Amino acid sequence: MIRHFHSVILRTMLGPLVAALQIFMLYVVVHGHYSPGGAFQGGTLLACSLLLPILAGRTEGFVVISARTAIAMAAAGVLIFTGTGIVAMLFGGGFLDYAALPMGSMEAAARQSLGILIVEAGVTLAVAGSLVSIYYSLDREPQEAAGAHADGSAANRAGEPGGEEPR
């Protein structure tokens, strides 16, 4: 495992840096529904703002999500994306036909703009959750990753972590 280093500059600037990342993420996502892109970049910025305190070794006072929460966040993002497309199909449009979304008496252009923003939010959550989940899966100790077999028994063959060498 990589040890955390103690940098006064990093620890001092961590709070403002995380806040700046999150504000910039909001700008990128909100601006992204007016122009191409935005959701993937916003998701990476959100993941960075969630992982930076962990990498710096200072998690008190910051939002730290677990690996399970990261997976749930990614799944929620996929659900928002696909749910928006399926709702549009149920109301007579094509998949992700935002103008077909049932949003009261809004004009088609307004429904389309709001629909894009909903999809952008879903993709942002999916990307951020996926990246945080990837970090957690790569951060595990080698012993943890190979420690137990499917039946719950510890590794017992030669060459496996925790296994005995042949005599």
Foldseek 3Di string as FASTA:
>chain_A
DDDADDDPVCVVCLVVVLVVLLVVLVVQLLVCLVDPDRLLVSLVSNLCSQCSCVNNVHCPPHDHDDLVVLVVLLVQLVCQQQVLQVQLVVQPHHRLCQLSHPDDPDHSVVSNSVSSSSNSVSSSSNNNSVVNNVCVVVPDDQCVVQAADPVGDGDADPPGVVHDHDD
